[in-house]
Amino acid sequence: MANIKIKDINQLELWTPKELRKLRMVVRNRISYFEDGKTEKALADSHPLSKMELKECQELLKKIIKAEK
C-alpha cells in the first residue's frame, strides 16, 4: 500500500500514480467529512492533511487531479 504520510504534498510531480490515487481518495473523503458538517476528526500530526481546512483540501484535490494527467 502507498504510504502518503512520508511524502511531501508540495511535490506531487514526484508521486507515483498509486500514491496520487490514494491521496485523491483520502482528500475526497476529508472533503465529504467537512461538507457533512461533522465535527472535525483529529488526524495524526504526521498526516499530510492534519492541518488543512475545507478550502485547502479542495485546492489540493485540484492539484492532484492535474498531477495525475
PDB file of N, CA and C in Angstrom:
ATOM      1  N   MET A   1       0.840  -1.176   0.000  1.00  0.00           N
ATOM      2  CA  MET A   1       0.000   0.000   0.000  1.00  0.00           C
ATOM      3  C   MET A   1       0.886   1.241   0.000  1.00  0.00           C
ATOM      4  N   ALA A   2       0.445   2.257  -0.717  1.00  0.00           N
ATOM      5  CA  ALA A   2       1.201   3.503  -0.809  1.00  0.00           C
ATOM      6  C   ALA A   2       1.175   4.233   0.532  1.00  0.00           C
ATOM      7  N   ASN A   3       2.330   4.678   0.968  1.00  0.00           N
ATOM      8  CA  ASN A   3       2.428   5.389   2.237  1.00  0.00           C
ATOM      9  C   ASN A   3       2.517   6.882   1.953  1.00  0.00           C
ATOM     10  N   ILE A   4       1.395   7.589   2.099  1.00  0.00           N
ATOM     11  CA  ILE A   4       1.363   9.015   1.780  1.00  0.00           C
ATOM     12  C   ILE A   4       1.847   9.886   2.932  1.00  0.00           C
ATOM     13  N   LYS A   5       1.994   9.325   4.097  1.00  0.00           N
ATOM     14  CA  LYS A   5       2.395  10.114   5.260  1.00  0.00           C
ATOM     15  C   LYS A   5       3.835  10.593   5.185  1.00  0.00           C
ATOM     16  N   ILE A   6       4.658   9.893   4.446  1.00  0.00           N
ATOM     17  CA  ILE A   6       6.071  10.269   4.387  1.00  0.00           C
ATOM     18  C   ILE A   6       6.398  11.113   3.158  1.00  0.00           C
ATOM     19  N   LYS A   7       5.401  11.405   2.343  1.00  0.00           N
ATOM     20  CA  LYS A   7       5.616  12.162   1.112  1.00  0.00           C
ATOM     21  C   LYS A   7       5.322  13.642   1.330  1.00  0.00           C
ATOM     22  N   ASP A   8       5.894  14.479   0.472  1.00  0.00           N
ATOM     23  CA  ASP A   8       5.689  15.922   0.520  1.00  0.00           C
ATOM     24  C   ASP A   8       4.569  16.287  -0.455  1.00  0.00           C
ATOM     25  N   ILE A   9       3.468  16.841   0.062  1.00  0.00           N
ATOM     26  CA  ILE A   9       2.338  17.168  -0.806  1.00  0.00           C
ATOM     27  C   ILE A   9       2.614  18.387  -1.674  1.00  0.00           C
ATOM     28  N   ASN A  10       3.728  19.049  -1.455  1.00  0.00           N
ATOM     29  CA  ASN A  10       4.108  20.185  -2.292  1.00  0.00           C
ATOM     30  C   ASN A  10       4.871  19.739  -3.540  1.00  0.00           C
ATOM     31  N   GLN A  11       5.178  18.468  -3.635  1.00  0.00           N
ATOM     32  CA  GLN A  11       5.910  17.934  -4.780  1.00  0.00           C
ATOM     33  C   GLN A  11       5.149  16.755  -5.379  1.00  0.00           C
ATOM     34  N   LEU A  12       3.925  16.993  -5.792  1.00  0.00           N
ATOM     35  CA  LEU A  12       3.073  15.922  -6.317  1.00  0.00           C
ATOM     36  C   LEU A  12       3.633  15.293  -7.591  1.00  0.00           C
ATOM     37  N   GLU A  13       4.450  16.042  -8.321  1.00  0.00           N
ATOM     38  CA  GLU A  13       5.011  15.511  -9.560  1.00  0.00           C
ATOM     39  C   GLU A  13       5.960  14.336  -9.306  1.00  0.00           C
ATOM     40  N   LEU A  14       6.426  14.191  -8.066  1.00  0.00           N
ATOM     41  CA  LEU A  14       7.324  13.090  -7.715  1.00  0.00           C
ATOM     42  C   LEU A  14       6.589  11.850  -7.211  1.00  0.00           C
ATOM     43  N   TRP A  15       5.277  11.975  -7.042  1.00  0.00           N
ATOM     44  CA  TRP A  15       4.477  10.862  -6.525  1.00  0.00           C
ATOM     45  C   TRP A  15       4.168   9.862  -7.633  1.00  0.00           C
ATOM     46  N   THR A  16       4.049   8.607  -7.262  1.00  0.00           N
ATOM     47  CA  THR A  16       3.667   7.568  -8.221  1.00  0.00           C
ATOM     48  C   THR A  16       2.149   7.636  -8.443  1.00  0.00           C
ATOM     49  N   PRO A  17       1.662   7.066  -9.538  1.00  0.00           N
ATOM     50  CA  PRO A  17       0.208   7.058  -9.781  1.00  0.00           C
ATOM     51  C   PRO A  17      -0.577   6.408  -8.635  1.00  0.00           C
ATOM     52  N   LYS A  18      -0.023   5.373  -8.051  1.00  0.00           N
ATOM     53  CA  LYS A  18      -0.698   4.695  -6.938  1.00  0.00           C
ATOM     54  C   LYS A  18      -0.811   5.619  -5.719  1.00  0.00           C
ATOM     55  N   GLU A  19       0.256   6.347  -5.429  1.00  0.00           N
ATOM     56  CA  GLU A  19       0.242   7.280  -4.297  1.00  0.00           C
ATOM     57  C   GLU A  19      -0.731   8.432  -4.552  1.00  0.00           C
ATOM     58  N   LEU A  20      -0.744   8.934  -5.777  1.00  0.00           N
ATOM     59  CA  LEU A  20      -1.682  10.007  -6.124  1.00  0.00           C
ATOM     60  C   LEU A  20      -3.129   9.553  -5.998  1.00  0.00           C
ATOM     61  N   ARG A  21      -3.394   8.347  -6.449  1.00  0.00           N
ATOM     62  CA  ARG A  21      -4.757   7.794  -6.363  1.00  0.00           C
ATOM     63  C   ARG A  21      -5.184   7.668  -4.904  1.00  0.00           C
ATOM     64  N   LYS A  22      -4.289   7.193  -4.056  1.00  0.00           N
ATOM     65  CA  LYS A  22      -4.621   7.051  -2.642  1.00  0.00           C
ATOM     66  C   LYS A  22      -4.840   8.422  -1.998  1.00  0.00           C
ATOM     67  N   LEU A  23      -3.982   9.379  -2.307  1.00  0.00           N
ATOM     68  CA  LEU A  23      -4.134  10.723  -1.761  1.00  0.00           C
ATOM     69  C   LEU A  23      -5.451  11.339  -2.233  1.00  0.00           C
ATOM     70  N   ARG A  24      -5.798  11.129  -3.509  1.00  0.00           N
ATOM     71  CA  ARG A  24      -7.055  11.655  -4.038  1.00  0.00           C
ATOM     72  C   ARG A  24      -8.237  11.093  -3.261  1.00  0.00           C
ATOM     73  N   MET A  25      -8.222   9.815  -2.980  1.00  0.00           N
ATOM     74  CA  MET A  25      -9.319   9.192  -2.226  1.00  0.00           C
ATOM     75  C   MET A  25      -9.390   9.747  -0.805  1.00  0.00           C
ATOM     76  N   VAL A  26      -8.239   9.913  -0.167  1.00  0.00           N
ATOM     77  CA  VAL A  26      -8.196  10.433   1.199  1.00  0.00           C
ATOM     78  C   VAL A  26      -8.707  11.875   1.239  1.00  0.00           C
ATOM     79  N   VAL A  27      -8.293  12.677   0.265  1.00  0.00           N
ATOM     80  CA  VAL A  27      -8.730  14.077   0.218  1.00  0.00           C
ATOM     81  C   VAL A  27     -10.224  14.161  -0.042  1.00  0.00           C
ATOM     82  N   ARG A  28     -10.726  13.349  -0.941  1.00  0.00           N
ATOM     83  CA  ARG A  28     -12.180  13.352  -1.204  1.00  0.00           C
ATOM     84  C   ARG A  28     -12.959  12.939   0.038  1.00  0.00           C
ATOM     85  N   ASN A  29     -12.475  11.960   0.751  1.00  0.00           N
ATOM     86  CA  ASN A  29     -13.133  11.553   1.999  1.00  0.00           C
ATOM     87  C   ASN A  29     -13.112  12.685   3.019  1.00  0.00           C
ATOM     88  N   ARG A  30     -11.994  13.376   3.100  1.00  0.00           N
ATOM     89  CA  ARG A  30     -11.867  14.501   4.045  1.00  0.00           C
ATOM     90  C   ARG A  30     -12.816  15.635   3.665  1.00  0.00           C
ATOM     91  N   ILE A  31     -12.923  15.933   2.378  1.00  0.00           N
ATOM     92  CA  ILE A  31     -13.839  16.978   1.904  1.00  0.00           C
ATOM     93  C   ILE A  31     -15.280  16.613   2.230  1.00  0.00           C
ATOM     94  N   SER A  32     -15.659  15.372   1.975  1.00  0.00           N
ATOM     95  CA  SER A  32     -17.035  14.963   2.275  1.00  0.00           C
ATOM     96  C   SER A  32     -17.297  14.997   3.779  1.00  0.00           C
ATOM     97  N   TYR A  33     -16.277  14.725   4.555  1.00  0.00           N
ATOM     98  CA  TYR A  33     -16.392  14.792   6.010  1.00  0.00           C
ATOM     99  C   TYR A  33     -16.695  16.223   6.443  1.00  0.00           C
ATOM    100  N   PHE A  34     -15.972  17.186   5.868  1.00  0.00           N
ATOM    101  CA  PHE A  34     -16.214  18.603   6.170  1.00  0.00           C
ATOM    102  C   PHE A  34     -17.605  19.027   5.703  1.00  0.00           C
ATOM    103  N   GLU A  35     -17.979  18.617   4.497  1.00  0.00           N
ATOM    104  CA  GLU A  35     -19.251  19.045   3.919  1.00  0.00           C
ATOM    105  C   GLU A  35     -20.452  18.456   4.644  1.00  0.00           C
ATOM    106  N   ASP A  36     -20.276  17.312   5.267  1.00  0.00           N
ATOM    107  CA  ASP A  36     -21.368  16.694   6.022  1.00  0.00           C
ATOM    108  C   ASP A  36     -21.619  17.408   7.342  1.00  0.00           C
ATOM    109  N   GLY A  37     -20.750  18.363   7.673  1.00  0.00           N
ATOM    110  CA  GLY A  37     -20.923  19.153   8.883  1.00  0.00           C
ATOM    111  C   GLY A  37     -20.580  18.419  10.161  1.00  0.00           C
ATOM    112  N   LYS A  38     -19.826  17.372  10.030  1.00  0.00           N
ATOM    113  CA  LYS A  38     -19.423  16.623  11.219  1.00  0.00           C
ATOM    114  C   LYS A  38     -18.323  17.374  11.956  1.00  0.00           C
ATOM    115  N   THR A  39     -18.193  17.094  13.214  1.00  0.00           N
ATOM    116  CA  THR A  39     -17.108  17.672  13.988  1.00  0.00           C
ATOM    117  C   THR A  39     -15.798  17.187  13.386  1.00  0.00           C
ATOM    118  N   GLU A  40     -14.843  18.098  13.304  1.00  0.00           N
ATOM    119  CA  GLU A  40     -13.578  17.753  12.675  1.00  0.00           C
ATOM    120  C   GLU A  40     -12.903  16.592  13.387  1.00  0.00           C
ATOM    121  N   LYS A  41     -12.583  15.577  12.613  1.00  0.00           N
ATOM    122  CA  LYS A  41     -11.881  14.420  13.152  1.00  0.00           C
ATOM    123  C   LYS A  41     -10.393  14.744  13.213  1.00  0.00           C
ATOM    124  N   ALA A  42      -9.801  14.535  14.346  1.00  0.00           N
ATOM    125  CA  ALA A  42      -8.378  14.813  14.512  1.00  0.00           C
ATOM    126  C   ALA A  42      -7.552  13.768  13.771  1.00  0.00           C
ATOM    127  N   LEU A  43      -6.615  14.248  12.998  1.00  0.00           N
ATOM    128  CA  LEU A  43      -5.686  13.367  12.299  1.00  0.00           C
ATOM    129  C   LEU A  43      -4.336  13.456  12.990  1.00  0.00           C
ATOM    130  N   ALA A  44      -3.561  12.428  12.831  1.00  0.00           N
ATOM    131  CA  ALA A  44      -2.218  12.425  13.410  1.00  0.00           C
ATOM    132  C   ALA A  44      -1.399  13.569  12.813  1.00  0.00           C
ATOM    133  N   ASP A  45      -0.515  14.138  13.598  1.00  0.00           N
ATOM    134  CA  ASP A  45       0.317  15.243  13.123  1.00  0.00           C
ATOM    135  C   ASP A  45       1.160  14.846  11.915  1.00  0.00           C
ATOM    136  N   SER A  46       1.463  13.570  11.780  1.00  0.00           N
ATOM    137  CA  SER A  46       2.272  13.109  10.657  1.00  0.00           C
ATOM    138  C   SER A  46       1.468  13.017   9.363  1.00  0.00           C
ATOM    139  N   HIS A  47       0.147  13.113   9.459  1.00  0.00           N
ATOM    140  CA  HIS A  47      -0.710  13.001   8.278  1.00  0.00           C
ATOM    141  C   HIS A  47      -0.645  14.297   7.470  1.00  0.00           C
ATOM    142  N   PRO A  48      -0.523  14.208   6.133  1.00  0.00           N
ATOM    143  CA  PRO A  48      -0.407  15.414   5.314  1.00  0.00           C
ATOM    144  C   PRO A  48      -1.630  16.334   5.375  1.00  0.00           C
ATOM    145  N   LEU A  49      -2.773  15.837   5.744  1.00  0.00           N
ATOM    146  CA  LEU A  49      -3.989  16.653   5.788  1.00  0.00           C
ATOM    147  C   LEU A  49      -4.330  17.129   7.196  1.00  0.00           C
ATOM    148  N   SER A  50      -3.461  16.899   8.141  1.00  0.00           N
ATOM    149  CA  SER A  50      -3.780  17.148   9.550  1.00  0.00           C
ATOM    150  C   SER A  50      -4.152  18.587   9.860  1.00  0.00           C
ATOM    151  N   LYS A  51      -3.567  19.545   9.187  1.00  0.00           N
ATOM    152  CA  LYS A  51      -3.824  20.949   9.498  1.00  0.00           C
ATOM    153  C   LYS A  51      -4.631  21.656   8.410  1.00  0.00           C
ATOM    154  N   MET A  52      -5.186  20.912   7.472  1.00  0.00           N
ATOM    155  CA  MET A  52      -5.898  21.506   6.347  1.00  0.00           C
ATOM    156  C   MET A  52      -7.384  21.685   6.631  1.00  0.00           C
ATOM    157  N   GLU A  53      -7.904  22.795   6.136  1.00  0.00           N
ATOM    158  CA  GLU A  53      -9.335  23.085   6.206  1.00  0.00           C
ATOM    159  C   GLU A  53      -9.970  22.703   4.878  1.00  0.00           C
ATOM    160  N   LEU A  54     -11.282  22.907   4.761  1.00  0.00           N
ATOM    161  CA  LEU A  54     -12.034  22.517   3.567  1.00  0.00           C
ATOM    162  C   LEU A  54     -11.460  23.148   2.300  1.00  0.00           C
ATOM    163  N   LYS A  55     -11.259  24.449   2.295  1.00  0.00           N
ATOM    164  CA  LYS A  55     -10.755  25.143   1.091  1.00  0.00           C
ATOM    165  C   LYS A  55      -9.396  24.598   0.660  1.00  0.00           C
ATOM    166  N   GLU A  56      -8.534  24.357   1.625  1.00  0.00           N
ATOM    167  CA  GLU A  56      -7.201  23.839   1.317  1.00  0.00           C
ATOM    168  C   GLU A  56      -7.290  22.438   0.719  1.00  0.00           C
ATOM    169  N   CYS A  57      -8.194  21.630   1.229  1.00  0.00           N
ATOM    170  CA  CYS A  57      -8.385  20.278   0.696  1.00  0.00           C
ATOM    171  C   CYS A  57      -8.918  20.331  -0.734  1.00  0.00           C
ATOM    172  N   GLN A  58      -9.826  21.250  -0.994  1.00  0.00           N
ATOM    173  CA  GLN A  58     -10.379  21.395  -2.340  1.00  0.00           C
ATOM    174  C   GLN A  58      -9.296  21.830  -3.327  1.00  0.00           C
ATOM    175  N   GLU A  59      -8.432  22.743  -2.919  1.00  0.00           N
ATOM    176  CA  GLU A  59      -7.335  23.179  -3.779  1.00  0.00           C
ATOM    177  C   GLU A  59      -6.347  22.032  -4.010  1.00  0.00           C
ATOM    178  N   LEU A  60      -6.068  21.275  -2.975  1.00  0.00           N
ATOM    179  CA  LEU A  60      -5.161  20.133  -3.112  1.00  0.00           C
ATOM    180  C   LEU A  60      -5.744  19.102  -4.072  1.00  0.00           C
ATOM    181  N   LEU A  61      -7.038  18.874  -4.010  1.00  0.00           N
ATOM    182  CA  LEU A  61      -7.682  17.917  -4.913  1.00  0.00           C
ATOM    183  C   LEU A  61      -7.491  18.357  -6.366  1.00  0.00           C
ATOM    184  N   LYS A  62      -7.622  19.637  -6.639  1.00  0.00           N
ATOM    185  CA  LYS A  62      -7.396  20.148  -7.991  1.00  0.00           C
ATOM    186  C   LYS A  62      -5.959  19.882  -8.439  1.00  0.00           C
ATOM    187  N   LYS A  63      -5.014  20.090  -7.542  1.00  0.00           N
ATOM    188  CA  LYS A  63      -3.600  19.856  -7.853  1.00  0.00           C
ATOM    189  C   LYS A  63      -3.338  18.373  -8.118  1.00  0.00           C
ATOM    190  N   ILE A  64      -3.972  17.515  -7.343  1.00  0.00           N
ATOM    191  CA  ILE A  64      -3.797  16.065  -7.504  1.00  0.00           C
ATOM    192  C   ILE A  64      -4.321  15.630  -8.862  1.00  0.00           C
ATOM    193  N   ILE A  65      -5.505  16.090  -9.214  1.00  0.00           N
ATOM    194  CA  ILE A  65      -6.103  15.724 -10.495  1.00  0.00           C
ATOM    195  C   ILE A  65      -5.225  16.192 -11.645  1.00  0.00           C
ATOM    196  N   LYS A  66      -4.666  17.389 -11.516  1.00  0.00           N
ATOM    197  CA  LYS A  66      -3.765  17.909 -12.535  1.00  0.00           C
ATOM    198  C   LYS A  66      -2.487  17.059 -12.627  1.00  0.00           C
ATOM    199  N   ALA A  67      -1.955  16.653 -11.492  1.00  0.00           N
ATOM    200  CA  ALA A  67      -0.726  15.840 -11.461  1.00  0.00           C
ATOM    201  C   ALA A  67      -0.962  14.450 -12.036  1.00  0.00           C
ATOM    202  N   GLU A  68      -2.184  13.940 -11.917  1.00  0.00           N
ATOM    203  CA  GLU A  68      -2.481  12.603 -12.441  1.00  0.00           C
ATOM    204  C   GLU A  68      -2.526  12.580 -13.968  1.00  0.00           C
ATOM    205  N   LYS A  69      -2.729  13.722 -14.588  1.00  0.00           N
ATOM    206  CA  LYS A  69      -2.841  13.757 -16.058  1.00  0.00           C
ATOM    207  C   LYS A  69      -1.525  13.797 -16.741  1.00  0.00           C
TER     208      LYS A  69
END
